[in-house]
PDB file of N, CA and C in Angstrom:
ATOM      1  N   MET A   1     -45.320 -33.306 -48.053  1.00  0.00           N
ATOM      2  CA  MET A   1     -45.849 -33.685 -46.541  1.00  0.00           C
ATOM      3  C   MET A   1     -46.186 -35.031 -46.198  1.00  0.00           C
ATOM      4  N   LYS A   2     -45.715 -35.220 -44.646  1.00  0.00           N
ATOM      5  CA  LYS A   2     -46.286 -36.159 -44.318  1.00  0.00           C
ATOM      6  C   LYS A   2     -47.645 -36.305 -43.322  1.00  0.00           C
ATOM      7  N   ALA A   3     -47.972 -37.531 -43.581  1.00  0.00           N
ATOM      8  CA  ALA A   3     -48.996 -37.665 -42.474  1.00  0.00           C
ATOM      9  C   ALA A   3     -48.650 -38.313 -41.162  1.00  0.00           C
ATOM     10  N   ILE A   4     -49.198 -38.117 -40.107  1.00  0.00           N
ATOM     11  CA  ILE A   4     -48.551 -38.977 -38.697  1.00  0.00           C
ATOM     12  C   ILE A   4     -49.810 -39.230 -38.365  1.00  0.00           C
ATOM     13  N   PHE A   5     -50.462 -40.644 -38.188  1.00  0.00           N
ATOM     14  CA  PHE A   5     -51.137 -41.395 -37.505  1.00  0.00           C
ATOM     15  C   PHE A   5     -50.483 -41.885 -36.189  1.00  0.00           C
ATOM     16  N   ILE A   6     -51.463 -41.486 -35.108  1.00  0.00           N
ATOM     17  CA  ILE A   6     -50.641 -41.832 -33.718  1.00  0.00           C
ATOM     18  C   ILE A   6     -51.781 -42.529 -32.899  1.00  0.00           C
ATOM     19  N   ALA A   7     -51.813 -43.597 -32.579  1.00  0.00           N
ATOM     20  CA  ALA A   7     -52.998 -44.233 -31.655  1.00  0.00           C
ATOM     21  C   ALA A   7     -51.861 -44.256 -30.427  1.00  0.00           C
ATOM     22  N   TYR A   8     -53.003 -44.263 -29.174  1.00  0.00           N
ATOM     23  CA  TYR A   8     -52.395 -44.038 -28.190  1.00  0.00           C
ATOM     24  C   TYR A   8     -53.601 -44.170 -26.529  1.00  0.00           C
ATOM     25  N   ASN A   9     -52.799 -44.754 -25.771  1.00  0.00           N
ATOM     26  CA  ASN A   9     -53.999 -44.831 -24.544  1.00  0.00           C
ATOM     27  C   ASN A   9     -54.334 -43.251 -24.074  1.00  0.00           C
ATOM     28  N   GLN A  10     -55.591 -42.867 -23.709  1.00  0.00           N
ATOM     29  CA  GLN A  10     -56.475 -42.043 -23.541  1.00  0.00           C
ATOM     30  C   GLN A  10     -55.733 -40.819 -22.597  1.00  0.00           C
ATOM     31  N   ALA A  11     -54.856 -41.536 -21.456  1.00  0.00           N
ATOM     32  CA  ALA A  11     -54.086 -40.587 -20.464  1.00  0.00           C
ATOM     33  C   ALA A  11     -52.783 -40.051 -21.503  1.00  0.00           C
ATOM     34  N   TYR A  12     -52.435 -40.202 -22.705  1.00  0.00           N
ATOM     35  CA  TYR A  12     -51.475 -39.135 -23.489  1.00  0.00           C
ATOM     36  C   TYR A  12     -51.863 -37.929 -23.957  1.00  0.00           C
ATOM     37  N   ASN A  13     -53.438 -38.274 -24.015  1.00  0.00           N
ATOM     38  CA  ASN A  13     -53.815 -37.042 -24.728  1.00  0.00           C
ATOM     39  C   ASN A  13     -53.268 -35.482 -24.690  1.00  0.00           C
ATOM     40  N   GLN A  14     -53.449 -35.099 -23.512  1.00  0.00           N
ATOM     41  CA  GLN A  14     -52.261 -33.842 -23.107  1.00  0.00           C
ATOM     42  C   GLN A  14     -51.530 -33.586 -23.664  1.00  0.00           C
ATOM     43  N   GLU A  15     -50.415 -34.433 -23.225  1.00  0.00           N
ATOM     44  CA  GLU A  15     -49.106 -34.563 -23.814  1.00  0.00           C
ATOM     45  C   GLU A  15     -48.927 -34.449 -25.100  1.00  0.00           C
ATOM     46  N   ILE A  16     -49.527 -35.314 -25.662  1.00  0.00           N
ATOM     47  CA  ILE A  16     -49.333 -35.606 -27.345  1.00  0.00           C
ATOM     48  C   ILE A  16     -49.626 -34.070 -27.906  1.00  0.00           C
ATOM     49  N   VAL A  17     -50.686 -33.594 -27.574  1.00  0.00           N
ATOM     50  CA  VAL A  17     -51.479 -32.237 -27.909  1.00  0.00           C
ATOM     51  C   VAL A  17     -50.140 -31.341 -27.912  1.00  0.00           C
ATOM     52  N   GLU A  18     -49.712 -30.998 -26.272  1.00  0.00           N
ATOM     53  CA  GLU A  18     -48.643 -30.249 -26.171  1.00  0.00           C
ATOM     54  C   GLU A  18     -47.278 -30.549 -26.915  1.00  0.00           C
ATOM     55  N   LEU A  19     -47.027 -31.726 -27.288  1.00  0.00           N
ATOM     56  CA  LEU A  19     -46.030 -32.116 -27.927  1.00  0.00           C
ATOM     57  C   LEU A  19     -45.681 -31.719 -29.211  1.00  0.00           C
ATOM     58  N   LEU A  20     -47.028 -31.594 -29.921  1.00  0.00           N
ATOM     59  CA  LEU A  20     -47.460 -30.904 -31.167  1.00  0.00           C
ATOM     60  C   LEU A  20     -47.163 -29.616 -31.571  1.00  0.00           C
ATOM     61  N   GLU A  21     -47.778 -29.011 -30.416  1.00  0.00           N
ATOM     62  CA  GLU A  21     -47.764 -27.435 -30.118  1.00  0.00           C
ATOM     63  C   GLU A  21     -46.614 -26.880 -30.069  1.00  0.00           C
ATOM     64  N   LYS A  22     -45.511 -27.578 -29.422  1.00  0.00           N
ATOM     65  CA  LYS A  22     -44.502 -26.695 -28.729  1.00  0.00           C
ATOM     66  C   LYS A  22     -43.556 -27.171 -30.224  1.00  0.00           C
ATOM     67  N   MET A  23     -43.579 -28.130 -31.262  1.00  0.00           N
ATOM     68  CA  MET A  23     -43.063 -28.194 -32.149  1.00  0.00           C
ATOM     69  C   MET A  23     -43.656 -27.193 -33.299  1.00  0.00           C
ATOM     70  N   GLY A  24     -44.502 -26.396 -32.972  1.00  0.00           N
ATOM     71  CA  GLY A  24     -45.370 -25.511 -34.005  1.00  0.00           C
ATOM     72  C   GLY A  24     -46.508 -26.063 -34.882  1.00  0.00           C
ATOM     73  N   GLN A  25     -46.751 -27.601 -34.618  1.00  0.00           N
ATOM     74  CA  GLN A  25     -47.867 -27.979 -35.536  1.00  0.00           C
ATOM     75  C   GLN A  25     -48.867 -27.626 -34.728  1.00  0.00           C
ATOM     76  N   ARG A  26     -49.883 -26.747 -35.447  1.00  0.00           N
ATOM     77  CA  ARG A  26     -51.105 -26.390 -35.202  1.00  0.00           C
ATOM     78  C   ARG A  26     -52.322 -27.355 -35.120  1.00  0.00           C
ATOM     79  N   GLY A  27     -52.419 -28.130 -36.463  1.00  0.00           N
ATOM     80  CA  GLY A  27     -53.576 -28.738 -37.000  1.00  0.00           C
ATOM     81  C   GLY A  27     -53.550 -30.029 -36.817  1.00  0.00           C
ATOM     82  N   TYR A  28     -54.439 -30.505 -36.679  1.00  0.00           N
ATOM     83  CA  TYR A  28     -54.767 -32.345 -36.295  1.00  0.00           C
ATOM     84  C   TYR A  28     -56.104 -32.283 -36.056  1.00  0.00           C
ATOM     85  N   THR A  29     -56.504 -33.874 -35.966  1.00  0.00           N
ATOM     86  CA  THR A  29     -57.713 -34.174 -36.058  1.00  0.00           C
ATOM     87  C   THR A  29     -57.783 -35.706 -35.075  1.00  0.00           C
ATOM     88  N   VAL A  30     -58.591 -35.458 -33.890  1.00  0.00           N
ATOM     89  CA  VAL A  30     -58.570 -36.387 -32.943  1.00  0.00           C
ATOM     90  C   VAL A  30     -59.865 -37.379 -32.775  1.00  0.00           C
ATOM     91  N   TRP A  31     -59.736 -38.814 -32.696  1.00  0.00           N
ATOM     92  CA  TRP A  31     -60.789 -39.627 -32.677  1.00  0.00           C
ATOM     93  C   TRP A  31     -60.827 -39.976 -31.244  1.00  0.00           C
ATOM     94  N   GLU A  32     -61.888 -39.585 -30.556  1.00  0.00           N
ATOM     95  CA  GLU A  32     -61.760 -40.158 -28.994  1.00  0.00           C
ATOM     96  C   GLU A  32     -62.952 -41.573 -28.978  1.00  0.00           C
ATOM     97  N   GLU A  33     -62.355 -42.686 -27.684  1.00  0.00           N
ATOM     98  CA  GLU A  33     -62.743 -43.537 -27.011  1.00  0.00           C
ATOM     99  C   GLU A  33     -63.172 -44.648 -28.201  1.00  0.00           C
ATOM    100  N   ILE A  34     -61.717 -44.907 -28.998  1.00  0.00           N
ATOM    101  CA  ILE A  34     -61.635 -45.944 -29.518  1.00  0.00           C
ATOM    102  C   ILE A  34     -61.021 -47.411 -28.919  1.00  0.00           C
ATOM    103  N   GLY A  35     -61.147 -48.445 -29.147  1.00  0.00           N
ATOM    104  CA  GLY A  35     -60.789 -49.346 -28.755  1.00  0.00           C
ATOM    105  C   GLY A  35     -59.416 -50.207 -29.513  1.00  0.00           C
ATOM    106  N   GLY A  36     -58.763 -50.888 -29.138  1.00  0.00           N
ATOM    107  CA  GLY A  36     -57.695 -51.495 -29.818  1.00  0.00           C
ATOM    108  C   GLY A  36     -56.982 -52.520 -29.000  1.00  0.00           C
ATOM    109  N   ARG A  37     -55.816 -53.481 -29.544  1.00  0.00           N
ATOM    110  CA  ARG A  37     -55.069 -53.957 -28.516  1.00  0.00           C
ATOM    111  C   ARG A  37     -53.524 -54.160 -29.602  1.00  0.00           C
ATOM    112  N   GLY A  38     -52.811 -54.149 -28.612  1.00  0.00           N
ATOM    113  CA  GLY A  38     -51.252 -54.021 -29.509  1.00  0.00           C
ATOM    114  C   GLY A  38     -50.835 -55.030 -30.258  1.00  0.00           C
ATOM    115  N   SER A  39     -50.011 -55.166 -31.065  1.00  0.00           N
ATOM    116  CA  SER A  39     -49.827 -56.519 -31.711  1.00  0.00           C
ATOM    117  C   SER A  39     -48.651 -57.124 -31.149  1.00  0.00           C
ATOM    118  N   VAL A  40     -48.023 -56.492 -30.463  1.00  0.00           N
ATOM    119  CA  VAL A  40     -46.847 -56.913 -29.669  1.00  0.00           C
ATOM    120  C   VAL A  40     -47.410 -57.435 -28.315  1.00  0.00           C
ATOM    121  N   ASP A  41     -47.065 -56.662 -27.357  1.00  0.00           N
ATOM    122  CA  ASP A  41     -47.490 -56.698 -26.022  1.00  0.00           C
ATOM    123  C   ASP A  41     -48.727 -55.842 -25.499  1.00  0.00           C
ATOM    124  N   GLY A  42     -48.806 -55.659 -24.041  1.00  0.00           N
ATOM    125  CA  GLY A  42     -49.675 -54.741 -23.619  1.00  0.00           C
ATOM    126  C   GLY A  42     -51.002 -55.286 -23.518  1.00  0.00           C
ATOM    127  N   GLU A  43     -52.087 -54.517 -22.682  1.00  0.00           N
ATOM    128  CA  GLU A  43     -53.333 -54.909 -22.525  1.00  0.00           C
ATOM    129  C   GLU A  43     -54.269 -54.314 -23.485  1.00  0.00           C
ATOM    130  N   PRO A  44     -55.543 -54.808 -23.683  1.00  0.00           N
ATOM    131  CA  PRO A  44     -56.571 -54.344 -24.872  1.00  0.00           C
ATOM    132  C   PRO A  44     -56.764 -53.011 -24.159  1.00  0.00           C
ATOM    133  N   HIS A  45     -57.688 -52.213 -24.999  1.00  0.00           N
ATOM    134  CA  HIS A  45     -58.243 -51.173 -24.434  1.00  0.00           C
ATOM    135  C   HIS A  45     -59.559 -50.851 -25.345  1.00  0.00           C
ATOM    136  N   LEU A  46     -60.219 -51.330 -24.166  1.00  0.00           N
ATOM    137  CA  LEU A  46     -61.490 -51.802 -25.503  1.00  0.00           C
ATOM    138  C   LEU A  46     -62.808 -51.029 -24.474  1.00  0.00           C
ATOM    139  N   GLY A  47     -62.688 -50.162 -23.528  1.00  0.00           N
ATOM    140  CA  GLY A  47     -63.835 -49.124 -22.978  1.00  0.00           C
ATOM    141  C   GLY A  47     -64.770 -50.347 -22.091  1.00  0.00           C
ATOM    142  N   ASN A  48     -64.529 -51.748 -21.588  1.00  0.00           N
ATOM    143  CA  ASN A  48     -65.463 -52.554 -21.093  1.00  0.00           C
ATOM    144  C   ASN A  48     -65.128 -52.674 -19.856  1.00  0.00           C
ATOM    145  N   HIS A  49     -66.116 -53.375 -19.161  1.00  0.00           N
ATOM    146  CA  HIS A  49     -65.674 -53.763 -17.478  1.00  0.00           C
ATOM    147  C   HIS A  49     -64.641 -54.470 -17.223  1.00  0.00           C
ATOM    148  N   ALA A  50     -64.145 -55.352 -18.587  1.00  0.00           N
ATOM    149  CA  ALA A  50     -63.007 -56.198 -18.500  1.00  0.00           C
ATOM    150  C   ALA A  50     -61.355 -55.408 -18.446  1.00  0.00           C
ATOM    151  N   TRP A  51     -61.808 -54.625 -19.797  1.00  0.00           N
ATOM    152  CA  TRP A  51     -60.591 -53.816 -20.240  1.00  0.00           C
ATOM    153  C   TRP A  51     -61.333 -52.272 -19.981  1.00  0.00           C
ATOM    154  N   PRO A  52     -60.810 -51.709 -19.026  1.00  0.00           N
ATOM    155  CA  PRO A  52     -61.913 -49.931 -18.805  1.00  0.00           C
ATOM    156  C   PRO A  52     -60.952 -49.373 -19.732  1.00  0.00           C
ATOM    157  N   THR A  53     -59.831 -49.295 -20.037  1.00  0.00           N
ATOM    158  CA  THR A  53     -59.115 -48.098 -20.451  1.00  0.00           C
ATOM    159  C   THR A  53     -59.457 -47.888 -22.142  1.00  0.00           C
ATOM    160  N   GLN A  54     -59.158 -47.108 -22.965  1.00  0.00           N
ATOM    161  CA  GLN A  54     -59.610 -46.734 -24.004  1.00  0.00           C
ATOM    162  C   GLN A  54     -58.438 -45.692 -24.577  1.00  0.00           C
ATOM    163  N   ASN A  55     -58.603 -46.019 -25.993  1.00  0.00           N
ATOM    164  CA  ASN A  55     -57.541 -45.180 -27.001  1.00  0.00           C
ATOM    165  C   ASN A  55     -58.348 -44.004 -27.334  1.00  0.00           C
ATOM    166  N   HIS A  56     -57.304 -43.077 -27.925  1.00  0.00           N
ATOM    167  CA  HIS A  56     -57.811 -42.271 -28.456  1.00  0.00           C
ATOM    168  C   HIS A  56     -56.798 -42.156 -29.937  1.00  0.00           C
ATOM    169  N   ALA A  57     -57.072 -41.499 -31.233  1.00  0.00           N
ATOM    170  CA  ALA A  57     -56.435 -41.746 -32.483  1.00  0.00           C
ATOM    171  C   ALA A  57     -56.051 -39.568 -32.712  1.00  0.00           C
ATOM    172  N   LEU A  58     -55.116 -39.701 -33.431  1.00  0.00           N
ATOM    173  CA  LEU A  58     -54.938 -38.451 -33.978  1.00  0.00           C
ATOM    174  C   LEU A  58     -54.198 -38.561 -35.096  1.00  0.00           C
ATOM    175  N   LEU A  59     -54.714 -37.715 -36.039  1.00  0.00           N
ATOM    176  CA  LEU A  59     -53.962 -37.559 -37.405  1.00  0.00           C
ATOM    177  C   LEU A  59     -53.366 -35.937 -37.809  1.00  0.00           C
ATOM    178  N   THR A  60     -52.197 -35.928 -37.874  1.00  0.00           N
ATOM    179  CA  THR A  60     -51.819 -35.012 -38.571  1.00  0.00           C
ATOM    180  C   THR A  60     -51.149 -34.962 -39.515  1.00  0.00           C
ATOM    181  N   VAL A  61     -50.765 -33.524 -40.268  1.00  0.00           N
ATOM    182  CA  VAL A  61     -50.165 -33.674 -41.321  1.00  0.00           C
ATOM    183  C   VAL A  61     -48.872 -32.150 -41.190  1.00  0.00           C
ATOM    184  N   VAL A  62     -47.956 -32.963 -41.500  1.00  0.00           N
ATOM    185  CA  VAL A  62     -46.580 -32.011 -41.425  1.00  0.00           C
ATOM    186  C   VAL A  62     -45.337 -32.173 -42.451  1.00  0.00           C
ATOM    187  N   GLU A  63     -44.722 -30.977 -42.055  1.00  0.00           N
ATOM    188  CA  GLU A  63     -43.716 -30.891 -43.703  1.00  0.00           C
ATOM    189  C   GLU A  63     -42.818 -31.911 -43.002  1.00  0.00           C
ATOM    190  N   ASP A  64     -42.420 -32.464 -44.556  1.00  0.00           N
ATOM    191  CA  ASP A  64     -41.492 -33.373 -44.186  1.00  0.00           C
ATOM    192  C   ASP A  64     -40.602 -33.476 -43.420  1.00  0.00           C
ATOM    193  N   SER A  65     -39.573 -32.330 -43.126  1.00  0.00           N
ATOM    194  CA  SER A  65     -38.800 -32.114 -42.336  1.00  0.00           C
ATOM    195  C   SER A  65     -38.553 -31.917 -40.999  1.00  0.00           C
ATOM    196  N   LEU A  66     -40.233 -32.343 -40.718  1.00  0.00           N
ATOM    197  CA  LEU A  66     -40.736 -32.078 -39.187  1.00  0.00           C
ATOM    198  C   LEU A  66     -41.136 -33.479 -38.496  1.00  0.00           C
ATOM    199  N   ALA A  67     -41.596 -34.191 -39.659  1.00  0.00           N
ATOM    200  CA  ALA A  67     -41.848 -35.494 -39.665  1.00  0.00           C
ATOM    201  C   ALA A  67     -41.078 -36.330 -38.655  1.00  0.00           C
ATOM    202  N   PRO A  68     -39.620 -36.549 -39.050  1.00  0.00           N
ATOM    203  CA  PRO A  68     -38.517 -37.262 -37.795  1.00  0.00           C
ATOM    204  C   PRO A  68     -38.491 -36.668 -36.401  1.00  0.00           C
ATOM    205  N   GLN A  69     -38.546 -35.383 -36.415  1.00  0.00           N
ATOM    206  CA  GLN A  69     -38.695 -34.490 -35.082  1.00  0.00           C
ATOM    207  C   GLN A  69     -39.850 -35.201 -34.154  1.00  0.00           C
ATOM    208  N   VAL A  70     -40.990 -35.086 -34.799  1.00  0.00           N
ATOM    209  CA  VAL A  70     -42.355 -35.665 -34.161  1.00  0.00           C
ATOM    210  C   VAL A  70     -42.209 -37.004 -33.660  1.00  0.00           C
ATOM    211  N   MET A  71     -41.774 -37.632 -34.549  1.00  0.00           N
ATOM    212  CA  MET A  71     -41.842 -39.177 -34.406  1.00  0.00           C
ATOM    213  C   MET A  71     -40.540 -39.717 -33.400  1.00  0.00           C
ATOM    214  N   SER A  72     -39.344 -39.119 -33.426  1.00  0.00           N
ATOM    215  CA  SER A  72     -38.178 -39.291 -32.181  1.00  0.00           C
ATOM    216  C   SER A  72     -39.057 -38.784 -31.063  1.00  0.00           C
ATOM    217  N   ALA A  73     -39.497 -37.602 -30.817  1.00  0.00           N
ATOM    218  CA  ALA A  73     -40.366 -37.131 -29.764  1.00  0.00           C
ATOM    219  C   ALA A  73     -41.558 -38.242 -29.050  1.00  0.00           C
ATOM    220  N   LEU A  74     -42.315 -38.795 -30.034  1.00  0.00           N
ATOM    221  CA  LEU A  74     -43.261 -39.550 -29.922  1.00  0.00           C
ATOM    222  C   LEU A  74     -42.706 -41.111 -29.100  1.00  0.00           C
ATOM    223  N   ARG A  75     -41.409 -41.709 -29.479  1.00  0.00           N
ATOM    224  CA  ARG A  75     -40.390 -42.370 -29.873  1.00  0.00           C
ATOM    225  C   ARG A  75     -40.305 -42.587 -27.838  1.00  0.00           C
ATOM    226  N   GLN A  76     -39.736 -41.222 -27.610  1.00  0.00           N
ATOM    227  CA  GLN A  76     -39.391 -41.146 -26.495  1.00  0.00           C
ATOM    228  C   GLN A  76     -40.266 -41.121 -25.174  1.00  0.00           C
ATOM    229  N   LEU A  77     -41.688 -40.510 -25.775  1.00  0.00           N
ATOM    230  CA  LEU A  77     -42.641 -40.371 -24.962  1.00  0.00           C
ATOM    231  C   LEU A  77     -43.111 -41.846 -24.519  1.00  0.00           C
ATOM    232  N   ASP A  78     -43.102 -42.542 -25.971  1.00  0.00           N
ATOM    233  CA  ASP A  78     -43.448 -44.201 -25.581  1.00  0.00           C
ATOM    234  C   ASP A  78     -42.618 -44.973 -24.560  1.00  0.00           C
ATOM    235  N   ALA A  79     -41.175 -44.727 -24.965  1.00  0.00           N
ATOM    236  CA  ALA A  79     -40.141 -45.528 -23.773  1.00  0.00           C
ATOM    237  C   ALA A  79     -40.389 -44.888 -22.597  1.00  0.00           C
ATOM    238  N   ASP A  80     -40.936 -43.666 -22.276  1.00  0.00           N
ATOM    239  CA  ASP A  80     -40.678 -43.310 -20.881  1.00  0.00           C
ATOM    240  C   ASP A  80     -42.274 -43.893 -20.145  1.00  0.00           C
ATOM    241  N   ASN A  81     -42.931 -44.083 -21.166  1.00  0.00           N
ATOM    242  CA  ASN A  81     -44.396 -44.916 -20.252  1.00  0.00           C
ATOM    243  C   ASN A  81     -44.434 -45.947 -20.873  1.00  0.00           C
ATOM    244  N   ALA A  82     -43.873 -46.728 -21.182  1.00  0.00           N
ATOM    245  CA  ALA A  82     -44.165 -48.139 -22.175  1.00  0.00           C
ATOM    246  C   ALA A  82     -45.724 -49.238 -21.653  1.00  0.00           C
ATOM    247  N   GLN A  83     -45.493 -49.052 -20.771  1.00  0.00           N
ATOM    248  CA  GLN A  83     -46.843 -49.743 -20.200  1.00  0.00           C
ATOM    249  C   GLN A  83     -48.359 -49.016 -20.710  1.00  0.00           C
ATOM    250  N   LEU A  84     -48.138 -47.631 -20.896  1.00  0.00           N
ATOM    251  CA  LEU A  84     -49.469 -46.936 -21.758  1.00  0.00           C
ATOM    252  C   LEU A  84     -49.845 -47.377 -22.777  1.00  0.00           C
ATOM    253  N   GLY A  85     -49.148 -47.655 -23.977  1.00  0.00           N
ATOM    254  CA  GLY A  85     -49.144 -47.923 -25.104  1.00  0.00           C
ATOM    255  C   GLY A  85     -49.001 -46.688 -26.030  1.00  0.00           C
ATOM    256  N   LEU A  86     -48.748 -46.962 -27.321  1.00  0.00           N
ATOM    257  CA  LEU A  86     -48.548 -45.694 -28.061  1.00  0.00           C
ATOM    258  C   LEU A  86     -48.020 -46.488 -29.197  1.00  0.00           C
ATOM    259  N   ARG A  87     -48.719 -46.089 -30.420  1.00  0.00           N
ATOM    260  CA  ARG A  87     -48.307 -46.475 -31.748  1.00  0.00           C
ATOM    261  C   ARG A  87     -48.332 -45.086 -32.799  1.00  0.00           C
ATOM    262  N   ALA A  88     -47.128 -44.826 -33.690  1.00  0.00           N
ATOM    263  CA  ALA A  88     -47.243 -43.958 -34.567  1.00  0.00           C
ATOM    264  C   ALA A  88     -46.640 -44.373 -35.736  1.00  0.00           C
ATOM    265  N   TYR A  89     -46.994 -43.893 -37.010  1.00  0.00           N
ATOM    266  CA  TYR A  89     -47.046 -43.881 -38.508  1.00  0.00           C
ATOM    267  C   TYR A  89     -46.657 -43.301 -39.346  1.00  0.00           C
ATOM    268  N   THR A  90     -45.774 -43.174 -40.027  1.00  0.00           N
ATOM    269  CA  THR A  90     -46.164 -41.872 -41.183  1.00  0.00           C
ATOM    270  C   THR A  90     -46.102 -42.477 -42.491  1.00  0.00           C
ATOM    271  N   LEU A  91     -47.346 -41.595 -43.332  1.00  0.00           N
ATOM    272  CA  LEU A  91     -47.540 -41.998 -44.406  1.00  0.00           C
ATOM    273  C   LEU A  91     -47.405 -40.525 -45.319  1.00  0.00           C
ATOM    274  N   PRO A  92     -47.347 -40.771 -46.994  1.00  0.00           N
ATOM    275  CA  PRO A  92     -46.506 -39.762 -47.614  1.00  0.00           C
ATOM    276  C   PRO A  92     -48.206 -38.917 -47.864  1.00  0.00           C
ATOM    277  N   VAL A  93     -48.170 -37.730 -47.880  1.00  0.00           N
ATOM    278  CA  VAL A  93     -49.446 -36.978 -48.805  1.00  0.00           C
ATOM    279  C   VAL A  93     -49.133 -36.712 -49.976  1.00  0.00           C
ATOM    280  N   GLU A  94     -50.278 -37.386 -50.885  1.00  0.00           N
ATOM    281  CA  GLU A  94     -49.927 -36.870 -52.093  1.00  0.00           C
ATOM    282  C   GLU A  94     -50.736 -35.654 -52.409  1.00  0.00           C
ATOM    283  N   GLU A  95     -51.385 -35.241 -51.910  1.00  0.00           N
ATOM    284  CA  GLU A  95     -52.517 -34.093 -52.321  1.00  0.00           C
ATOM    285  C   GLU A  95     -53.042 -33.630 -50.819  1.00  0.00           C
ATOM    286  N   ALA A  96     -53.210 -32.451 -51.052  1.00  0.00           N
ATOM    287  CA  ALA A  96     -53.960 -31.478 -49.670  1.00  0.00           C
ATOM    288  C   ALA A  96     -54.809 -30.331 -50.284  1.00  0.00           C
ATOM    289  N   LEU A  97     -55.861 -30.181 -49.316  1.00  0.00           N
ATOM    290  CA  LEU A  97     -56.838 -29.277 -50.191  1.00  0.00           C
ATOM    291  C   LEU A  97     -56.925 -28.160 -48.710  1.00  0.00           C
TER     292      LEU A  97
END
């Protein structure tokens, strides 16, 4: 199994949840109203008067075979809306309960 951690502009929230549901992935955990700044480019998302946009983050655990499909769909979503900001990482899941 793989964990996929996704940090994204809050504007993506519904799209990312729908993307997962369309792929049959039901379970996830969301953190809302988090700040951040990309390591390459883009504006900070800090939720203050100077940088009012905020991020959300989502963690989902998927079967190994589904991870590449999810990452591919996220890459496409990011390419379609590069100014919003989206990062995703896969991590191995050694044990689950």
